[in-house]
Amino acid sequence: MTPEERSSLITRVDAALNEVRPHLAIDGGNIEVVNVSDNRIVEIKWLGACHGCSMTAMTMKAGVEQAIKSKLPQINGVVAIN
């Protein structure tokens, strides 16, 4: 993946997360896209109250990953780096 392709994909992933962000913000949290790897795994960072929350695993699968994959089916997965 070229740097331009990676940058474009990160921008599109970030836009897809805009539907999840209001739900995270209710509890004082947020999410940041850190990178998209060559094998199309999105790396995210939990921010605010989400960092260290026991519900992040469920939020990841039921909210974050679903929101991303529904808009960008070429994404193979999502992992938190914190």
PDB file of N, CA and C in Angstrom:
ATOM      1  N   MET A   1       0.850  -1.174   0.000  1.00  0.00           N
ATOM      2  CA  MET A   1       0.000   0.000   0.000  1.00  0.00           C
ATOM      3  C   MET A   1       0.895   1.236   0.000  1.00  0.00           C
ATOM      4  N   THR A   2       0.603   2.151  -0.876  1.00  0.00           N
ATOM      5  CA  THR A   2       1.401   3.375  -0.946  1.00  0.00           C
ATOM      6  C   THR A   2       1.029   4.300   0.219  1.00  0.00           C
ATOM      7  N   PRO A   3       1.902   5.244   0.549  1.00  0.00           N
ATOM      8  CA  PRO A   3       1.559   6.204   1.610  1.00  0.00           C
ATOM      9  C   PRO A   3       0.265   6.972   1.312  1.00  0.00           C
ATOM     10  N   GLU A   4       0.037   7.279   0.049  1.00  0.00           N
ATOM     11  CA  GLU A   4      -1.181   7.993  -0.329  1.00  0.00           C
ATOM     12  C   GLU A   4      -2.423   7.125  -0.120  1.00  0.00           C
ATOM     13  N   GLU A   5      -2.325   5.839  -0.486  1.00  0.00           N
ATOM     14  CA  GLU A   5      -3.443   4.915  -0.276  1.00  0.00           C
ATOM     15  C   GLU A   5      -3.731   4.753   1.215  1.00  0.00           C
ATOM     16  N   ARG A   6      -2.670   4.634   2.014  1.00  0.00           N
ATOM     17  CA  ARG A   6      -2.823   4.483   3.463  1.00  0.00           C
ATOM     18  C   ARG A   6      -3.505   5.722   4.049  1.00  0.00           C
ATOM     19  N   SER A   7      -3.047   6.892   3.647  1.00  0.00           N
ATOM     20  CA  SER A   7      -3.617   8.143   4.148  1.00  0.00           C
ATOM     21  C   SER A   7      -5.095   8.258   3.787  1.00  0.00           C
ATOM     22  N   SER A   8      -5.429   7.910   2.562  1.00  0.00           N
ATOM     23  CA  SER A   8      -6.820   7.954   2.115  1.00  0.00           C
ATOM     24  C   SER A   8      -7.681   6.974   2.907  1.00  0.00           C
ATOM     25  N   LEU A   9      -7.163   5.783   3.136  1.00  0.00           N
ATOM     26  CA  LEU A   9      -7.909   4.772   3.875  1.00  0.00           C
ATOM     27  C   LEU A   9      -8.106   5.199   5.326  1.00  0.00           C
ATOM     28  N   ILE A  10      -7.085   5.771   5.944  1.00  0.00           N
ATOM     29  CA  ILE A  10      -7.209   6.268   7.319  1.00  0.00           C
ATOM     30  C   ILE A  10      -8.290   7.342   7.389  1.00  0.00           C
ATOM     31  N   THR A  11      -8.316   8.233   6.420  1.00  0.00           N
ATOM     32  CA  THR A  11      -9.329   9.292   6.384  1.00  0.00           C
ATOM     33  C   THR A  11     -10.729   8.701   6.269  1.00  0.00           C
ATOM     34  N   ARG A  12     -10.889   7.690   5.424  1.00  0.00           N
ATOM     35  CA  ARG A  12     -12.205   7.068   5.243  1.00  0.00           C
ATOM     36  C   ARG A  12     -12.629   6.261   6.469  1.00  0.00           C
ATOM     37  N   VAL A  13     -11.671   5.596   7.124  1.00  0.00           N
ATOM     38  CA  VAL A  13     -11.977   4.877   8.368  1.00  0.00           C
ATOM     39  C   VAL A  13     -12.417   5.877   9.432  1.00  0.00           C
ATOM     40  N   ASP A  14     -11.679   6.973   9.548  1.00  0.00           N
ATOM     41  CA  ASP A  14     -12.012   8.005  10.527  1.00  0.00           C
ATOM     42  C   ASP A  14     -13.428   8.542  10.290  1.00  0.00           C
ATOM     43  N   ALA A  15     -13.787   8.757   9.039  1.00  0.00           N
ATOM     44  CA  ALA A  15     -15.137   9.230   8.706  1.00  0.00           C
ATOM     45  C   ALA A  15     -16.193   8.190   9.082  1.00  0.00           C
ATOM     46  N   ALA A  16     -15.899   6.912   8.862  1.00  0.00           N
ATOM     47  CA  ALA A  16     -16.839   5.845   9.219  1.00  0.00           C
ATOM     48  C   ALA A  16     -17.082   5.808  10.723  1.00  0.00           C
ATOM     49  N   LEU A  17     -16.076   6.178  11.501  1.00  0.00           N
ATOM     50  CA  LEU A  17     -16.208   6.160  12.955  1.00  0.00           C
ATOM     51  C   LEU A  17     -17.065   7.301  13.489  1.00  0.00           C
ATOM     52  N   ASN A  18     -17.383   8.267  12.648  1.00  0.00           N
ATOM     53  CA  ASN A  18     -18.206   9.383  13.105  1.00  0.00           C
ATOM     54  C   ASN A  18     -19.589   8.945  13.573  1.00  0.00           C
ATOM     55  N   GLU A  19     -20.072   7.787  13.110  1.00  0.00           N
ATOM     56  CA  GLU A  19     -21.368   7.309  13.591  1.00  0.00           C
ATOM     57  C   GLU A  19     -21.253   6.681  14.981  1.00  0.00           C
ATOM     58  N   VAL A  20     -20.065   6.277  15.386  1.00  0.00           N
ATOM     59  CA  VAL A  20     -19.853   5.662  16.697  1.00  0.00           C
ATOM     60  C   VAL A  20     -19.475   6.710  17.748  1.00  0.00           C
ATOM     61  N   ARG A  21     -18.786   7.739  17.338  1.00  0.00           N
ATOM     62  CA  ARG A  21     -18.257   8.731  18.283  1.00  0.00           C
ATOM     63  C   ARG A  21     -19.297   9.341  19.224  1.00  0.00           C
ATOM     64  N   PRO A  22     -20.490   9.698  18.754  1.00  0.00           N
ATOM     65  CA  PRO A  22     -21.469  10.264  19.698  1.00  0.00           C
ATOM     66  C   PRO A  22     -21.819   9.311  20.841  1.00  0.00           C
ATOM     67  N   HIS A  23     -21.858   8.016  20.562  1.00  0.00           N
ATOM     68  CA  HIS A  23     -22.158   7.025  21.598  1.00  0.00           C
ATOM     69  C   HIS A  23     -21.015   6.938  22.609  1.00  0.00           C
ATOM     70  N   LEU A  24     -19.794   7.039  22.128  1.00  0.00           N
ATOM     71  CA  LEU A  24     -18.638   7.023  23.023  1.00  0.00           C
ATOM     72  C   LEU A  24     -18.594   8.297  23.858  1.00  0.00           C
ATOM     73  N   ALA A  25     -18.931   9.419  23.241  1.00  0.00           N
ATOM     74  CA  ALA A  25     -18.865  10.717  23.918  1.00  0.00           C
ATOM     75  C   ALA A  25     -19.855  10.811  25.075  1.00  0.00           C
ATOM     76  N   ILE A  26     -20.967  10.100  24.987  1.00  0.00           N
ATOM     77  CA  ILE A  26     -21.952  10.108  26.075  1.00  0.00           C
ATOM     78  C   ILE A  26     -21.291   9.702  27.390  1.00  0.00           C
ATOM     79  N   ASP A  27     -20.372   8.762  27.325  1.00  0.00           N
ATOM     80  CA  ASP A  27     -19.678   8.281  28.520  1.00  0.00           C
ATOM     81  C   ASP A  27     -18.308   8.923  28.696  1.00  0.00           C
ATOM     82  N   GLY A  28     -18.025   9.977  27.942  1.00  0.00           N
ATOM     83  CA  GLY A  28     -16.759  10.691  28.096  1.00  0.00           C
ATOM     84  C   GLY A  28     -15.596  10.079  27.346  1.00  0.00           C
ATOM     85  N   GLY A  29     -15.889   9.285  26.321  1.00  0.00           N
ATOM     86  CA  GLY A  29     -14.826   8.625  25.574  1.00  0.00           C
ATOM     87  C   GLY A  29     -14.737   9.091  24.135  1.00  0.00           C
ATOM     88  N   ASN A  30     -13.731   8.560  23.463  1.00  0.00           N
ATOM     89  CA  ASN A  30     -13.538   8.837  22.044  1.00  0.00           C
ATOM     90  C   ASN A  30     -12.612   7.761  21.489  1.00  0.00           C
ATOM     91  N   ILE A  31     -12.328   7.853  20.213  1.00  0.00           N
ATOM     92  CA  ILE A  31     -11.498   6.866  19.531  1.00  0.00           C
ATOM     93  C   ILE A  31     -10.661   7.580  18.481  1.00  0.00           C
ATOM     94  N   GLU A  32      -9.443   7.105  18.288  1.00  0.00           N
ATOM     95  CA  GLU A  32      -8.533   7.697  17.300  1.00  0.00           C
ATOM     96  C   GLU A  32      -8.004   6.600  16.391  1.00  0.00           C
ATOM     97  N   VAL A  33      -8.000   6.856  15.097  1.00  0.00           N
ATOM     98  CA  VAL A  33      -7.395   5.928  14.144  1.00  0.00           C
ATOM     99  C   VAL A  33      -5.901   6.225  14.113  1.00  0.00           C
ATOM    100  N   VAL A  34      -5.091   5.231  14.432  1.00  0.00           N
ATOM    101  CA  VAL A  34      -3.642   5.399  14.479  1.00  0.00           C
ATOM    102  C   VAL A  34      -3.005   4.997  13.159  1.00  0.00           C
ATOM    103  N   ASN A  35      -3.466   3.877  12.588  1.00  0.00           N
ATOM    104  CA  ASN A  35      -2.832   3.355  11.378  1.00  0.00           C
ATOM    105  C   ASN A  35      -3.748   2.328  10.724  1.00  0.00           C
ATOM    106  N   VAL A  36      -3.474   2.052   9.470  1.00  0.00           N
ATOM    107  CA  VAL A  36      -4.041   0.896   8.777  1.00  0.00           C
ATOM    108  C   VAL A  36      -2.849   0.135   8.217  1.00  0.00           C
ATOM    109  N   SER A  37      -2.696  -1.117   8.650  1.00  0.00           N
ATOM    110  CA  SER A  37      -1.540  -1.911   8.243  1.00  0.00           C
ATOM    111  C   SER A  37      -1.667  -2.359   6.793  1.00  0.00           C
ATOM    112  N   ASP A  38      -0.574  -2.892   6.256  1.00  0.00           N
ATOM    113  CA  ASP A  38      -0.572  -3.377   4.876  1.00  0.00           C
ATOM    114  C   ASP A  38      -1.587  -4.498   4.655  1.00  0.00           C
ATOM    115  N   ASN A  39      -1.876  -5.272   5.714  1.00  0.00           N
ATOM    116  CA  ASN A  39      -2.878  -6.335   5.571  1.00  0.00           C
ATOM    117  C   ASN A  39      -4.280  -5.852   5.959  1.00  0.00           C
ATOM    118  N   ARG A  40      -4.443  -4.509   5.965  1.00  0.00           N
ATOM    119  CA  ARG A  40      -5.732  -3.843   6.145  1.00  0.00           C
ATOM    120  C   ARG A  40      -6.364  -4.098   7.509  1.00  0.00           C
ATOM    121  N   ILE A  41      -5.529  -4.079   8.536  1.00  0.00           N
ATOM    122  CA  ILE A  41      -5.990  -4.114   9.919  1.00  0.00           C
ATOM    123  C   ILE A  41      -5.921  -2.684  10.448  1.00  0.00           C
ATOM    124  N   VAL A  42      -7.047  -2.182  10.949  1.00  0.00           N
ATOM    125  CA  VAL A  42      -7.103  -0.829  11.498  1.00  0.00           C
ATOM    126  C   VAL A  42      -6.608  -0.865  12.942  1.00  0.00           C
ATOM    127  N   GLU A  43      -5.691   0.023  13.258  1.00  0.00           N
ATOM    128  CA  GLU A  43      -5.192   0.165  14.625  1.00  0.00           C
ATOM    129  C   GLU A  43      -5.820   1.421  15.212  1.00  0.00           C
ATOM    130  N   ILE A  44      -6.515   1.239  16.349  1.00  0.00           N
ATOM    131  CA  ILE A  44      -7.176   2.375  16.987  1.00  0.00           C
ATOM    132  C   ILE A  44      -6.617   2.574  18.391  1.00  0.00           C
ATOM    133  N   LYS A  45      -6.869   3.758  18.913  1.00  0.00           N
ATOM    134  CA  LYS A  45      -6.506   4.073  20.288  1.00  0.00           C
ATOM    135  C   LYS A  45      -7.769   4.568  20.987  1.00  0.00           C
ATOM    136  N   TRP A  46      -8.079   3.963  22.147  1.00  0.00           N
ATOM    137  CA  TRP A  46      -9.199   4.424  22.957  1.00  0.00           C
ATOM    138  C   TRP A  46      -8.768   5.681  23.700  1.00  0.00           C
ATOM    139  N   LEU A  47      -9.640   6.672  23.746  1.00  0.00           N
ATOM    140  CA  LEU A  47      -9.341   7.936  24.406  1.00  0.00           C
ATOM    141  C   LEU A  47     -10.360   8.221  25.507  1.00  0.00           C
ATOM    142  N   GLY A  48      -9.985   9.092  26.438  1.00  0.00           N
ATOM    143  CA  GLY A  48     -10.890   9.506  27.505  1.00  0.00           C
ATOM    144  C   GLY A  48     -11.331   8.333  28.355  1.00  0.00           C
ATOM    145  N   ALA A  49     -12.609   8.316  28.693  1.00  0.00           N
ATOM    146  CA  ALA A  49     -13.150   7.277  29.563  1.00  0.00           C
ATOM    147  C   ALA A  49     -13.109   5.888  28.927  1.00  0.00           C
ATOM    148  N   CYS A  50     -12.981   5.813  27.610  1.00  0.00           N
ATOM    149  CA  CYS A  50     -12.904   4.506  26.941  1.00  0.00           C
ATOM    150  C   CYS A  50     -11.600   3.776  27.277  1.00  0.00           C
ATOM    151  N   HIS A  51     -10.537   4.539  27.496  1.00  0.00           N
ATOM    152  CA  HIS A  51      -9.240   3.929  27.816  1.00  0.00           C
ATOM    153  C   HIS A  51      -9.350   3.238  29.171  1.00  0.00           C
ATOM    154  N   GLY A  52      -9.196   1.937  29.173  1.00  0.00           N
ATOM    155  CA  GLY A  52      -9.267   1.162  30.406  1.00  0.00           C
ATOM    156  C   GLY A  52     -10.666   0.689  30.779  1.00  0.00           C
ATOM    157  N   CYS A  53     -11.671   1.025  29.991  1.00  0.00           N
ATOM    158  CA  CYS A  53     -13.045   0.614  30.282  1.00  0.00           C
ATOM    159  C   CYS A  53     -13.210  -0.883  30.006  1.00  0.00           C
ATOM    160  N   SER A  54     -13.974  -1.548  30.857  1.00  0.00           N
ATOM    161  CA  SER A  54     -14.177  -2.992  30.698  1.00  0.00           C
ATOM    162  C   SER A  54     -15.092  -3.340  29.521  1.00  0.00           C
ATOM    163  N   MET A  55     -15.774  -2.368  28.963  1.00  0.00           N
ATOM    164  CA  MET A  55     -16.711  -2.625  27.864  1.00  0.00           C
ATOM    165  C   MET A  55     -16.091  -2.446  26.480  1.00  0.00           C
ATOM    166  N   THR A  56     -14.806  -2.128  26.406  1.00  0.00           N
ATOM    167  CA  THR A  56     -14.213  -1.845  25.095  1.00  0.00           C
ATOM    168  C   THR A  56     -14.228  -3.050  24.156  1.00  0.00           C
ATOM    169  N   ALA A  57     -14.103  -4.253  24.685  1.00  0.00           N
ATOM    170  CA  ALA A  57     -14.113  -5.438  23.808  1.00  0.00           C
ATOM    171  C   ALA A  57     -15.463  -5.563  23.100  1.00  0.00           C
ATOM    172  N   MET A  58     -16.546  -5.366  23.844  1.00  0.00           N
ATOM    173  CA  MET A  58     -17.872  -5.441  23.239  1.00  0.00           C
ATOM    174  C   MET A  58     -18.094  -4.267  22.281  1.00  0.00           C
ATOM    175  N   THR A  59     -17.667  -3.085  22.696  1.00  0.00           N
ATOM    176  CA  THR A  59     -17.802  -1.900  21.851  1.00  0.00           C
ATOM    177  C   THR A  59     -17.021  -2.074  20.556  1.00  0.00           C
ATOM    178  N   MET A  60     -15.856  -2.709  20.651  1.00  0.00           N
ATOM    179  CA  MET A  60     -15.017  -2.925  19.473  1.00  0.00           C
ATOM    180  C   MET A  60     -15.757  -3.766  18.442  1.00  0.00           C
ATOM    181  N   LYS A  61     -16.297  -4.907  18.852  1.00  0.00           N
ATOM    182  CA  LYS A  61     -16.945  -5.825  17.904  1.00  0.00           C
ATOM    183  C   LYS A  61     -18.314  -5.322  17.457  1.00  0.00           C
ATOM    184  N   ALA A  62     -19.139  -4.888  18.405  1.00  0.00           N
ATOM    185  CA  ALA A  62     -20.522  -4.540  18.086  1.00  0.00           C
ATOM    186  C   ALA A  62     -20.672  -3.137  17.509  1.00  0.00           C
ATOM    187  N   GLY A  63     -19.713  -2.273  17.759  1.00  0.00           N
ATOM    188  CA  GLY A  63     -19.843  -0.902  17.293  1.00  0.00           C
ATOM    189  C   GLY A  63     -18.778  -0.490  16.311  1.00  0.00           C
ATOM    190  N   VAL A  64     -17.547  -0.472  16.775  1.00  0.00           N
ATOM    191  CA  VAL A  64     -16.442   0.072  15.991  1.00  0.00           C
ATOM    192  C   VAL A  64     -16.176  -0.753  14.734  1.00  0.00           C
ATOM    193  N   GLU A  65     -15.935  -2.040  14.910  1.00  0.00           N
ATOM    194  CA  GLU A  65     -15.601  -2.885  13.753  1.00  0.00           C
ATOM    195  C   GLU A  65     -16.763  -2.949  12.763  1.00  0.00           C
ATOM    196  N   GLN A  66     -17.968  -3.041  13.271  1.00  0.00           N
ATOM    197  CA  GLN A  66     -19.144  -3.099  12.396  1.00  0.00           C
ATOM    198  C   GLN A  66     -19.307  -1.801  11.613  1.00  0.00           C
ATOM    199  N   ALA A  67     -19.111  -0.662  12.270  1.00  0.00           N
ATOM    200  CA  ALA A  67     -19.240   0.637  11.591  1.00  0.00           C
ATOM    201  C   ALA A  67     -18.219   0.770  10.470  1.00  0.00           C
ATOM    202  N   ILE A  68     -16.994   0.328  10.741  1.00  0.00           N
ATOM    203  CA  ILE A  68     -15.937   0.430   9.735  1.00  0.00           C
ATOM    204  C   ILE A  68     -16.202  -0.521   8.572  1.00  0.00           C
ATOM    205  N   LYS A  69     -16.465  -1.790   8.884  1.00  0.00           N
ATOM    206  CA  LYS A  69     -16.634  -2.790   7.827  1.00  0.00           C
ATOM    207  C   LYS A  69     -17.890  -2.563   6.985  1.00  0.00           C
ATOM    208  N   SER A  70     -18.906  -1.931   7.554  1.00  0.00           N
ATOM    209  CA  SER A  70     -20.111  -1.668   6.762  1.00  0.00           C
ATOM    210  C   SER A  70     -19.838  -0.634   5.672  1.00  0.00           C
ATOM    211  N   LYS A  71     -18.913   0.272   5.932  1.00  0.00           N
ATOM    212  CA  LYS A  71     -18.565   1.306   4.952  1.00  0.00           C
ATOM    213  C   LYS A  71     -17.338   0.923   4.117  1.00  0.00           C
ATOM    214  N   LEU A  72     -16.460   0.112   4.701  1.00  0.00           N
ATOM    215  CA  LEU A  72     -15.199  -0.259   4.044  1.00  0.00           C
ATOM    216  C   LEU A  72     -14.990  -1.767   4.165  1.00  0.00           C
ATOM    217  N   PRO A  73     -15.667  -2.553   3.334  1.00  0.00           N
ATOM    218  CA  PRO A  73     -15.581  -4.012   3.448  1.00  0.00           C
ATOM    219  C   PRO A  73     -14.187  -4.581   3.193  1.00  0.00           C
ATOM    220  N   GLN A  74     -13.293  -3.784   2.620  1.00  0.00           N
ATOM    221  CA  GLN A  74     -11.935  -4.267   2.381  1.00  0.00           C
ATOM    222  C   GLN A  74     -11.102  -4.338   3.664  1.00  0.00           C
ATOM    223  N   ILE A  75     -11.610  -3.783   4.759  1.00  0.00           N
ATOM    224  CA  ILE A  75     -10.902  -3.841   6.038  1.00  0.00           C
ATOM    225  C   ILE A  75     -11.033  -5.248   6.609  1.00  0.00           C
ATOM    226  N   ASN A  76      -9.908  -5.810   7.068  1.00  0.00           N
ATOM    227  CA  ASN A  76      -9.883  -7.185   7.567  1.00  0.00           C
ATOM    228  C   ASN A  76     -10.081  -7.303   9.068  1.00  0.00           C
ATOM    229  N   GLY A  77      -9.928  -6.212   9.793  1.00  0.00           N
ATOM    230  CA  GLY A  77     -10.103  -6.275  11.236  1.00  0.00           C
ATOM    231  C   GLY A  77      -9.720  -4.968  11.889  1.00  0.00           C
ATOM    232  N   VAL A  78      -9.975  -4.907  13.200  1.00  0.00           N
ATOM    233  CA  VAL A  78      -9.668  -3.720  13.987  1.00  0.00           C
ATOM    234  C   VAL A  78      -9.046  -4.184  15.294  1.00  0.00           C
ATOM    235  N   VAL A  79      -7.946  -3.542  15.691  1.00  0.00           N
ATOM    236  CA  VAL A  79      -7.298  -3.853  16.964  1.00  0.00           C
ATOM    237  C   VAL A  79      -7.021  -2.555  17.715  1.00  0.00           C
ATOM    238  N   ALA A  80      -7.119  -2.640  19.034  1.00  0.00           N
ATOM    239  CA  ALA A  80      -6.756  -1.501  19.879  1.00  0.00           C
ATOM    240  C   ALA A  80      -5.290  -1.636  20.252  1.00  0.00           C
ATOM    241  N   ILE A  81      -4.573  -0.541  20.208  1.00  0.00           N
ATOM    242  CA  ILE A  81      -3.154  -0.578  20.566  1.00  0.00           C
ATOM    243  C   ILE A  81      -2.925  -0.100  21.998  1.00  0.00           C
ATOM    244  N   ASN A  82      -4.003   0.208  22.714  1.00  0.00           N
ATOM    245  CA  ASN A  82      -3.854   0.570  24.128  1.00  0.00           C
ATOM    246  C   ASN A  82      -4.906  -0.102  24.963  1.00  0.00           C
TER     247      ASN A  82
END
